[in-house]
PDB file of N, CA and C in Angstrom:
ATOM      1  N   MET A   1       0.914  -1.205  -0.040  1.00  0.00           N
ATOM      2  CA  MET A   1       0.030   0.038   0.051  1.00  0.00           C
ATOM      3  C   MET A   1       0.885   1.165  -0.045  1.00  0.00           C
ATOM      4  N   SER A   2       0.602   2.040  -0.977  1.00  0.00           N
ATOM      5  CA  SER A   2       1.458   3.286  -0.976  1.00  0.00           C
ATOM      6  C   SER A   2       0.741   4.487  -0.287  1.00  0.00           C
ATOM      7  N   PHE A   3       1.464   5.492  -0.327  1.00  0.00           N
ATOM      8  CA  PHE A   3       1.076   6.817   0.394  1.00  0.00           C
ATOM      9  C   PHE A   3      -0.206   7.370  -0.454  1.00  0.00           C
ATOM     10  N   PHE A   4      -0.380   7.100  -1.531  1.00  0.00           N
ATOM     11  CA  PHE A   4      -1.477   7.448  -2.325  1.00  0.00           C
ATOM     12  C   PHE A   4      -2.833   6.921  -1.999  1.00  0.00           C
ATOM     13  N   TYR A   5      -2.737   5.729  -1.569  1.00  0.00           N
ATOM     14  CA  TYR A   5      -4.028   4.896  -1.233  1.00  0.00           C
ATOM     15  C   TYR A   5      -4.906   5.653  -0.126  1.00  0.00           C
ATOM     16  N   PRO A   6      -4.273   6.029   0.872  1.00  0.00           N
ATOM     17  CA  PRO A   6      -5.182   6.488   2.029  1.00  0.00           C
ATOM     18  C   PRO A   6      -5.727   7.794   1.512  1.00  0.00           C
ATOM     19  N   THR A   7      -4.971   8.502   0.815  1.00  0.00           N
ATOM     20  CA  THR A   7      -5.299   9.962   0.210  1.00  0.00           C
ATOM     21  C   THR A   7      -6.599   9.696  -0.625  1.00  0.00           C
ATOM     22  N   LEU A   8      -6.547   8.583  -1.514  1.00  0.00           N
ATOM     23  CA  LEU A   8      -7.747   8.366  -2.563  1.00  0.00           C
ATOM     24  C   LEU A   8      -8.937   8.059  -1.574  1.00  0.00           C
ATOM     25  N   VAL A   9      -8.778   7.277  -0.603  1.00  0.00           N
ATOM     26  CA  VAL A   9      -9.790   6.844   0.241  1.00  0.00           C
ATOM     27  C   VAL A   9     -10.505   8.079   0.901  1.00  0.00           C
ATOM     28  N   ILE A  10      -9.740   8.986   1.487  1.00  0.00           N
ATOM     29  CA  ILE A  10     -10.228  10.335   1.988  1.00  0.00           C
ATOM     30  C   ILE A  10     -10.936  11.167   1.116  1.00  0.00           C
ATOM     31  N   VAL A  11     -10.395  11.183  -0.050  1.00  0.00           N
ATOM     32  CA  VAL A  11     -10.981  12.042  -1.053  1.00  0.00           C
ATOM     33  C   VAL A  11     -12.352  11.340  -1.610  1.00  0.00           C
ATOM     34  N   ARG A  12     -12.445   9.999  -1.700  1.00  0.00           N
ATOM     35  CA  ARG A  12     -13.652   9.455  -2.070  1.00  0.00           C
ATOM     36  C   ARG A  12     -14.703   9.552  -0.846  1.00  0.00           C
ATOM     37  N   LEU A  13     -14.229   9.681   0.194  1.00  0.00           N
ATOM     38  CA  LEU A  13     -15.292   9.856   1.416  1.00  0.00           C
ATOM     39  C   LEU A  13     -15.546  11.282   1.451  1.00  0.00           C
ATOM     40  N   LEU A  14     -14.950  12.121   0.972  1.00  0.00           N
ATOM     41  CA  LEU A  14     -15.318  13.598   0.818  1.00  0.00           C
ATOM     42  C   LEU A  14     -16.307  13.740  -0.316  1.00  0.00           C
ATOM     43  N   VAL A  15     -16.036  13.049  -1.314  1.00  0.00           N
ATOM     44  CA  VAL A  15     -16.996  13.080  -2.490  1.00  0.00           C
ATOM     45  C   VAL A  15     -18.250  12.484  -2.021  1.00  0.00           C
ATOM     46  N   VAL A  16     -18.326  11.316  -1.229  1.00  0.00           N
ATOM     47  CA  VAL A  16     -19.610  10.826  -0.640  1.00  0.00           C
ATOM     48  C   VAL A  16     -20.305  11.661   0.154  1.00  0.00           C
ATOM     49  N   ALA A  17     -19.527  12.434   1.197  1.00  0.00           N
ATOM     50  CA  ALA A  17     -20.160  13.385   2.016  1.00  0.00           C
ATOM     51  C   ALA A  17     -20.729  14.476   1.353  1.00  0.00           C
ATOM     52  N   LEU A  18     -20.111  15.066   0.402  1.00  0.00           N
ATOM     53  CA  LEU A  18     -20.499  16.412  -0.295  1.00  0.00           C
ATOM     54  C   LEU A  18     -21.620  15.970  -1.108  1.00  0.00           C
ATOM     55  N   GLY A  19     -21.673  14.785  -1.845  1.00  0.00           N
ATOM     56  CA  GLY A  19     -22.729  14.297  -2.603  1.00  0.00           C
ATOM     57  C   GLY A  19     -23.948  13.950  -1.594  1.00  0.00           C
ATOM     58  N   ALA A  20     -23.704  13.478  -0.592  1.00  0.00           N
ATOM     59  CA  ALA A  20     -24.945  13.302   0.292  1.00  0.00           C
ATOM     60  C   ALA A  20     -25.575  14.688   0.878  1.00  0.00           C
ATOM     61  N   ILE A  21     -24.833  15.584   1.076  1.00  0.00           N
ATOM     62  CA  ILE A  21     -25.323  16.998   1.416  1.00  0.00           C
ATOM     63  C   ILE A  21     -26.123  17.533   0.265  1.00  0.00           C
ATOM     64  N   ILE A  22     -25.667  17.485  -1.023  1.00  0.00           N
ATOM     65  CA  ILE A  22     -26.329  17.966  -2.182  1.00  0.00           C
ATOM     66  C   ILE A  22     -27.553  17.300  -2.310  1.00  0.00           C
ATOM     67  N   ILE A  23     -27.554  15.947  -2.158  1.00  0.00           N
ATOM     68  CA  ILE A  23     -28.688  15.161  -2.359  1.00  0.00           C
ATOM     69  C   ILE A  23     -29.772  15.480  -1.206  1.00  0.00           C
ATOM     70  N   TYR A  24     -29.469  15.751  -0.057  1.00  0.00           N
ATOM     71  CA  TYR A  24     -30.248  16.103   1.050  1.00  0.00           C
ATOM     72  C   TYR A  24     -30.842  17.316   0.890  1.00  0.00           C
ATOM     73  N   LEU A  25     -30.055  18.469   0.436  1.00  0.00           N
ATOM     74  CA  LEU A  25     -30.789  19.641   0.142  1.00  0.00           C
ATOM     75  C   LEU A  25     -31.609  19.794  -0.979  1.00  0.00           C
ATOM     76  N   ALA A  26     -31.339  19.166  -2.039  1.00  0.00           N
ATOM     77  CA  ALA A  26     -32.279  19.074  -3.236  1.00  0.00           C
ATOM     78  C   ALA A  26     -33.417  18.256  -2.863  1.00  0.00           C
ATOM     79  N   PHE A  27     -33.432  17.284  -2.209  1.00  0.00           N
ATOM     80  CA  PHE A  27     -34.531  16.413  -1.878  1.00  0.00           C
ATOM     81  C   PHE A  27     -35.373  17.234  -0.948  1.00  0.00           C
ATOM     82  N   LYS A  28     -34.909  17.996  -0.010  1.00  0.00           N
ATOM     83  CA  LYS A  28     -35.426  18.728   0.887  1.00  0.00           C
ATOM     84  C   LYS A  28     -36.290  19.963   0.208  1.00  0.00           C
ATOM     85  N   SER A  29     -35.607  20.559  -0.573  1.00  0.00           N
ATOM     86  CA  SER A  29     -36.201  21.585  -1.584  1.00  0.00           C
ATOM     87  C   SER A  29     -37.358  21.047  -2.352  1.00  0.00           C
ATOM     88  N   HIS A  30     -37.316  19.736  -2.834  1.00  0.00           N
ATOM     89  CA  HIS A  30     -38.363  19.061  -3.571  1.00  0.00           C
ATOM     90  C   HIS A  30     -39.603  18.904  -2.721  1.00  0.00           C
ATOM     91  N   ARG A  31     -39.373  18.615  -1.362  1.00  0.00           N
ATOM     92  CA  ARG A  31     -40.525  18.153  -0.544  1.00  0.00           C
ATOM     93  C   ARG A  31     -41.132  19.648  -0.028  1.00  0.00           C
ATOM     94  N   GLN A  32     -40.450  20.655   0.074  1.00  0.00           N
ATOM     95  CA  GLN A  32     -41.085  21.882   0.363  1.00  0.00           C
ATOM     96  C   GLN A  32     -41.809  22.628  -0.751  1.00  0.00           C
ATOM     97  N   ASN A  33     -41.275  22.378  -1.998  1.00  0.00           N
ATOM     98  CA  ASN A  33     -41.699  23.291  -3.091  1.00  0.00           C
ATOM     99  C   ASN A  33     -42.568  22.241  -4.137  1.00  0.00           C
ATOM    100  N   HIS A  34     -42.498  20.880  -3.906  1.00  0.00           N
ATOM    101  CA  HIS A  34     -43.061  19.961  -4.734  1.00  0.00           C
ATOM    102  C   HIS A  34     -42.365  20.242  -6.277  1.00  0.00           C
ATOM    103  N   SER A  35     -41.127  20.514  -6.276  1.00  0.00           N
ATOM    104  CA  SER A  35     -40.536  20.845  -7.565  1.00  0.00           C
ATOM    105  C   SER A  35     -40.034  19.438  -8.217  1.00  0.00           C
ATOM    106  N   ASN A  36     -40.481  19.076  -9.395  1.00  0.00           N
ATOM    107  CA  ASN A  36     -39.942  17.794  -9.922  1.00  0.00           C
ATOM    108  C   ASN A  36     -38.370  18.019 -10.172  1.00  0.00           C
ATOM    109  N   ALA A  37     -38.023  19.402 -10.751  1.00  0.00           N
ATOM    110  CA  ALA A  37     -36.659  19.529 -11.115  1.00  0.00           C
ATOM    111  C   ALA A  37     -35.675  19.254  -9.897  1.00  0.00           C
ATOM    112  N   MET A  38     -36.005  19.684  -8.728  1.00  0.00           N
ATOM    113  CA  MET A  38     -35.168  19.314  -7.594  1.00  0.00           C
ATOM    114  C   MET A  38     -35.223  17.708  -7.313  1.00  0.00           C
ATOM    115  N   LEU A  39     -36.403  17.233  -7.514  1.00  0.00           N
ATOM    116  CA  LEU A  39     -36.412  15.743  -7.371  1.00  0.00           C
ATOM    117  C   LEU A  39     -35.349  15.040  -8.193  1.00  0.00           C
ATOM    118  N   LEU A  40     -35.338  15.482  -9.557  1.00  0.00           N
ATOM    119  CA  LEU A  40     -34.511  14.929 -10.490  1.00  0.00           C
ATOM    120  C   LEU A  40     -32.998  15.309 -10.340  1.00  0.00           C
ATOM    121  N   LEU A  41     -32.767  16.585  -9.887  1.00  0.00           N
ATOM    122  CA  LEU A  41     -31.417  17.007  -9.379  1.00  0.00           C
ATOM    123  C   LEU A  41     -30.942  16.149  -8.330  1.00  0.00           C
ATOM    124  N   SER A  42     -31.669  15.794  -7.233  1.00  0.00           N
ATOM    125  CA  SER A  42     -31.338  14.917  -6.209  1.00  0.00           C
ATOM    126  C   SER A  42     -30.936  13.432  -6.655  1.00  0.00           C
ATOM    127  N   ILE A  43     -31.766  13.089  -7.674  1.00  0.00           N
ATOM    128  CA  ILE A  43     -31.542  11.618  -8.280  1.00  0.00           C
ATOM    129  C   ILE A  43     -30.150  11.739  -9.135  1.00  0.00           C
ATOM    130  N   GLY A  44     -29.971  12.872  -9.913  1.00  0.00           N
ATOM    131  CA  GLY A  44     -28.831  12.819 -10.624  1.00  0.00           C
ATOM    132  C   GLY A  44     -27.673  12.917  -9.555  1.00  0.00           C
ATOM    133  N   PHE A  45     -27.467  13.559  -8.686  1.00  0.00           N
ATOM    134  CA  PHE A  45     -26.384  13.617  -7.793  1.00  0.00           C
ATOM    135  C   PHE A  45     -26.345  12.330  -7.053  1.00  0.00           C
ATOM    136  N   ALA A  46     -27.354  11.716  -6.719  1.00  0.00           N
ATOM    137  CA  ALA A  46     -27.295  10.280  -6.139  1.00  0.00           C
ATOM    138  C   ALA A  46     -26.613   9.358  -7.073  1.00  0.00           C
ATOM    139  N   LEU A  47     -27.011   9.434  -8.307  1.00  0.00           N
ATOM    140  CA  LEU A  47     -26.203   8.408  -9.408  1.00  0.00           C
ATOM    141  C   LEU A  47     -24.914   8.879  -9.324  1.00  0.00           C
ATOM    142  N   ILE A  48     -24.395  10.128  -9.288  1.00  0.00           N
ATOM    143  CA  ILE A  48     -22.915  10.262  -9.428  1.00  0.00           C
ATOM    144  C   ILE A  48     -22.346   9.793  -8.073  1.00  0.00           C
ATOM    145  N   THR A  49     -22.874  10.094  -6.886  1.00  0.00           N
ATOM    146  CA  THR A  49     -22.336   9.772  -5.764  1.00  0.00           C
ATOM    147  C   THR A  49     -22.241   8.121  -5.337  1.00  0.00           C
ATOM    148  N   VAL A  50     -23.314   7.423  -5.721  1.00  0.00           N
ATOM    149  CA  VAL A  50     -23.290   6.151  -5.758  1.00  0.00           C
ATOM    150  C   VAL A  50     -22.334   5.453  -6.666  1.00  0.00           C
ATOM    151  N   GLY A  51     -22.311   6.120  -7.821  1.00  0.00           N
ATOM    152  CA  GLY A  51     -21.280   5.687  -9.003  1.00  0.00           C
ATOM    153  C   GLY A  51     -19.814   5.580  -8.177  1.00  0.00           C
ATOM    154  N   ALA A  52     -19.478   6.556  -7.537  1.00  0.00           N
ATOM    155  CA  ALA A  52     -18.192   6.678  -6.923  1.00  0.00           C
ATOM    156  C   ALA A  52     -17.900   5.463  -5.820  1.00  0.00           C
ATOM    157  N   VAL A  53     -19.034   5.280  -5.103  1.00  0.00           N
ATOM    158  CA  VAL A  53     -18.914   4.204  -4.153  1.00  0.00           C
ATOM    159  C   VAL A  53     -18.947   2.825  -4.861  1.00  0.00           C
ATOM    160  N   VAL A  54     -19.742   2.591  -5.801  1.00  0.00           N
ATOM    161  CA  VAL A  54     -19.769   1.239  -6.633  1.00  0.00           C
ATOM    162  C   VAL A  54     -18.453   1.086  -7.258  1.00  0.00           C
ATOM    163  N   GLU A  55     -17.797   2.032  -7.790  1.00  0.00           N
ATOM    164  CA  GLU A  55     -16.545   2.025  -8.499  1.00  0.00           C
ATOM    165  C   GLU A  55     -15.583   1.463  -7.441  1.00  0.00           C
ATOM    166  N   GLY A  56     -15.307   1.950  -6.257  1.00  0.00           N
ATOM    167  CA  GLY A  56     -14.500   1.410  -5.362  1.00  0.00           C
ATOM    168  C   GLY A  56     -14.860   0.035  -4.805  1.00  0.00           C
ATOM    169  N   VAL A  57     -16.062  -0.270  -4.533  1.00  0.00           N
ATOM    170  CA  VAL A  57     -16.408  -1.608  -4.057  1.00  0.00           C
ATOM    171  C   VAL A  57     -16.136  -2.623  -5.277  1.00  0.00           C
ATOM    172  N   LEU A  58     -16.390  -2.353  -6.383  1.00  0.00           N
ATOM    173  CA  LEU A  58     -16.066  -3.436  -7.567  1.00  0.00           C
ATOM    174  C   LEU A  58     -14.678  -3.619  -7.604  1.00  0.00           C
ATOM    175  N   PHE A  59     -13.836  -2.639  -7.400  1.00  0.00           N
ATOM    176  CA  PHE A  59     -12.515  -2.889  -7.471  1.00  0.00           C
ATOM    177  C   PHE A  59     -11.832  -3.428  -6.312  1.00  0.00           C
ATOM    178  N   GLU A  60     -12.130  -2.758  -5.123  1.00  0.00           N
ATOM    179  CA  GLU A  60     -11.591  -3.333  -3.867  1.00  0.00           C
ATOM    180  C   GLU A  60     -12.061  -4.490  -3.306  1.00  0.00           C
ATOM    181  N   PHE A  61     -13.259  -4.716  -3.239  1.00  0.00           N
ATOM    182  CA  PHE A  61     -13.867  -5.920  -2.522  1.00  0.00           C
ATOM    183  C   PHE A  61     -14.307  -7.071  -3.537  1.00  0.00           C
ATOM    184  N   LEU A  62     -14.674  -6.679  -4.727  1.00  0.00           N
ATOM    185  CA  LEU A  62     -15.135  -7.632  -5.586  1.00  0.00           C
ATOM    186  C   LEU A  62     -13.988  -8.092  -6.576  1.00  0.00           C
ATOM    187  N   ALA A  63     -12.824  -7.411  -6.504  1.00  0.00           N
ATOM    188  CA  ALA A  63     -11.711  -7.644  -7.339  1.00  0.00           C
ATOM    189  C   ALA A  63     -11.911  -7.723  -8.945  1.00  0.00           C
ATOM    190  N   LEU A  64     -12.753  -6.713  -9.314  1.00  0.00           N
ATOM    191  CA  LEU A  64     -13.103  -6.423 -10.697  1.00  0.00           C
ATOM    192  C   LEU A  64     -11.985  -5.721 -11.253  1.00  0.00           C
ATOM    193  N   ASP A  65     -11.593  -5.975 -12.362  1.00  0.00           N
ATOM    194  CA  ASP A  65     -10.519  -5.413 -13.133  1.00  0.00           C
ATOM    195  C   ASP A  65     -10.782  -3.737 -13.109  1.00  0.00           C
ATOM    196  N   ILE A  66      -9.676  -3.032 -12.852  1.00  0.00           N
ATOM    197  CA  ILE A  66      -9.760  -1.641 -12.842  1.00  0.00           C
ATOM    198  C   ILE A  66     -10.639  -0.868 -14.069  1.00  0.00           C
ATOM    199  N   PHE A  67     -10.426  -1.467 -15.133  1.00  0.00           N
ATOM    200  CA  PHE A  67     -10.961  -0.923 -16.382  1.00  0.00           C
ATOM    201  C   PHE A  67     -12.588  -1.010 -16.342  1.00  0.00           C
ATOM    202  N   TRP A  68     -12.978  -2.224 -15.895  1.00  0.00           N
ATOM    203  CA  TRP A  68     -14.401  -2.362 -15.755  1.00  0.00           C
ATOM    204  C   TRP A  68     -15.136  -1.641 -14.655  1.00  0.00           C
ATOM    205  N   ALA A  69     -14.261  -1.609 -13.391  1.00  0.00           N
ATOM    206  CA  ALA A  69     -14.706  -0.823 -12.206  1.00  0.00           C
ATOM    207  C   ALA A  69     -14.771   0.746 -12.643  1.00  0.00           C
ATOM    208  N   LEU A  70     -13.955   1.288 -13.388  1.00  0.00           N
ATOM    209  CA  LEU A  70     -14.016   2.619 -13.979  1.00  0.00           C
ATOM    210  C   LEU A  70     -15.078   2.949 -14.979  1.00  0.00           C
ATOM    211  N   THR A  71     -15.298   1.780 -15.769  1.00  0.00           N
ATOM    212  CA  THR A  71     -16.303   1.823 -16.762  1.00  0.00           C
ATOM    213  C   THR A  71     -17.648   1.991 -16.127  1.00  0.00           C
ATOM    214  N   VAL A  72     -17.987   1.090 -15.203  1.00  0.00           N
ATOM    215  CA  VAL A  72     -19.179   1.136 -14.459  1.00  0.00           C
ATOM    216  C   VAL A  72     -19.429   2.644 -13.670  1.00  0.00           C
ATOM    217  N   GLY A  73     -18.359   2.964 -13.098  1.00  0.00           N
ATOM    218  CA  GLY A  73     -18.389   4.270 -12.368  1.00  0.00           C
ATOM    219  C   GLY A  73     -18.551   5.380 -13.319  1.00  0.00           C
ATOM    220  N   SER A  74     -17.984   5.287 -14.475  1.00  0.00           N
ATOM    221  CA  SER A  74     -18.222   6.396 -15.520  1.00  0.00           C
ATOM    222  C   SER A  74     -19.673   6.368 -16.079  1.00  0.00           C
ATOM    223  N   ILE A  75     -20.090   5.259 -16.308  1.00  0.00           N
ATOM    224  CA  ILE A  75     -21.429   5.112 -16.895  1.00  0.00           C
ATOM    225  C   ILE A  75     -22.578   5.756 -15.817  1.00  0.00           C
ATOM    226  N   MET A  76     -22.272   5.429 -14.603  1.00  0.00           N
ATOM    227  CA  MET A  76     -23.262   6.042 -13.598  1.00  0.00           C
ATOM    228  C   MET A  76     -23.031   7.518 -13.414  1.00  0.00           C
ATOM    229  N   THR A  77     -21.980   7.983 -13.576  1.00  0.00           N
ATOM    230  CA  THR A  77     -21.568   9.493 -13.502  1.00  0.00           C
ATOM    231  C   THR A  77     -22.271  10.176 -14.680  1.00  0.00           C
ATOM    232  N   ALA A  78     -22.106   9.516 -16.018  1.00  0.00           N
ATOM    233  CA  ALA A  78     -22.752  10.149 -17.132  1.00  0.00           C
ATOM    234  C   ALA A  78     -24.287   9.968 -17.008  1.00  0.00           C
ATOM    235  N   SER A  79     -24.761   8.915 -16.438  1.00  0.00           N
ATOM    236  CA  SER A  79     -26.212   8.937 -16.255  1.00  0.00           C
ATOM    237  C   SER A  79     -26.752  10.075 -15.218  1.00  0.00           C
ATOM    238  N   GLY A  80     -25.876  10.175 -14.170  1.00  0.00           N
ATOM    239  CA  GLY A  80     -26.272  11.175 -13.205  1.00  0.00           C
ATOM    240  C   GLY A  80     -26.199  12.668 -13.930  1.00  0.00           C
ATOM    241  N   PHE A  81     -25.203  12.951 -14.511  1.00  0.00           N
ATOM    242  CA  PHE A  81     -25.209  14.190 -15.354  1.00  0.00           C
ATOM    243  C   PHE A  81     -26.308  14.395 -16.439  1.00  0.00           C
ATOM    244  N   THR A  82     -26.738  13.227 -17.139  1.00  0.00           N
ATOM    245  CA  THR A  82     -27.763  13.216 -17.839  1.00  0.00           C
ATOM    246  C   THR A  82     -29.121  13.736 -17.066  1.00  0.00           C
ATOM    247  N   VAL A  83     -29.359  13.041 -16.087  1.00  0.00           N
ATOM    248  CA  VAL A  83     -30.516  13.434 -15.172  1.00  0.00           C
ATOM    249  C   VAL A  83     -30.439  14.816 -14.876  1.00  0.00           C
ATOM    250  N   ILE A  84     -29.352  15.257 -14.370  1.00  0.00           N
ATOM    251  CA  ILE A  84     -29.155  16.778 -13.913  1.00  0.00           C
ATOM    252  C   ILE A  84     -29.336  17.687 -15.034  1.00  0.00           C
ATOM    253  N   ILE A  85     -29.035  17.427 -16.312  1.00  0.00           N
ATOM    254  CA  ILE A  85     -29.164  18.271 -17.332  1.00  0.00           C
ATOM    255  C   ILE A  85     -30.791  18.249 -17.763  1.00  0.00           C
ATOM    256  N   TYR A  86     -31.395  17.145 -17.555  1.00  0.00           N
ATOM    257  CA  TYR A  86     -32.802  17.099 -17.812  1.00  0.00           C
ATOM    258  C   TYR A  86     -33.599  17.854 -16.870  1.00  0.00           C
ATOM    259  N   SER A  87     -33.031  17.683 -15.476  1.00  0.00           N
ATOM    260  CA  SER A  87     -33.683  18.729 -14.306  1.00  0.00           C
ATOM    261  C   SER A  87     -33.560  20.170 -14.551  1.00  0.00           C
ATOM    262  N   ILE A  88     -32.526  20.428 -15.380  1.00  0.00           N
ATOM    263  CA  ILE A  88     -32.432  21.987 -15.550  1.00  0.00           C
ATOM    264  C   ILE A  88     -33.148  22.421 -16.747  1.00  0.00           C
ATOM    265  N   TYR A  89     -33.142  21.538 -17.968  1.00  0.00           N
ATOM    266  CA  TYR A  89     -33.714  21.977 -19.239  1.00  0.00           C
ATOM    267  C   TYR A  89     -34.941  21.172 -19.464  1.00  0.00           C
ATOM    268  N   GLY A  90     -35.112  20.190 -19.072  1.00  0.00           N
ATOM    269  CA  GLY A  90     -36.363  19.299 -19.462  1.00  0.00           C
ATOM    270  C   GLY A  90     -37.479  19.375 -18.720  1.00  0.00           C
ATOM    271  N   THR A  91     -37.632  20.046 -17.478  1.00  0.00           N
ATOM    272  CA  THR A  91     -38.754  20.025 -16.755  1.00  0.00           C
ATOM    273  C   THR A  91     -39.256  21.491 -16.605  1.00  0.00           C
ATOM    274  N   LYS A  92     -40.667  21.653 -16.491  1.00  0.00           N
ATOM    275  CA  LYS A  92     -41.290  22.836 -16.154  1.00  0.00           C
ATOM    276  C   LYS A  92     -41.672  22.869 -14.828  1.00  0.00           C
ATOM    277  N   THR A  93     -41.345  23.936 -13.895  1.00  0.00           N
ATOM    278  CA  THR A  93     -41.726  24.008 -12.620  1.00  0.00           C
ATOM    279  C   THR A  93     -42.885  25.079 -12.579  1.00  0.00           C
TER     280      THR A  93
END
């Protein structure tokens, strides 16, 4: 284990924590204002955040090849960004 491994774990945990805060705030806004855009925004960020976790789990615990772990994580990130774009441009509030 190199010096960079703990740093990567800390950065991933930071991504998860910040993602959770954004998800919470967007969902809270959805509940207060009944805004579909905010619901979709929270779903988009959830996909991105969960993608970061799934990527690590696939590589570290399930011993999936790094290429496939990154591919799955990238697909989830792209899906999350797609939902976020739709929440901004595709919904009418």
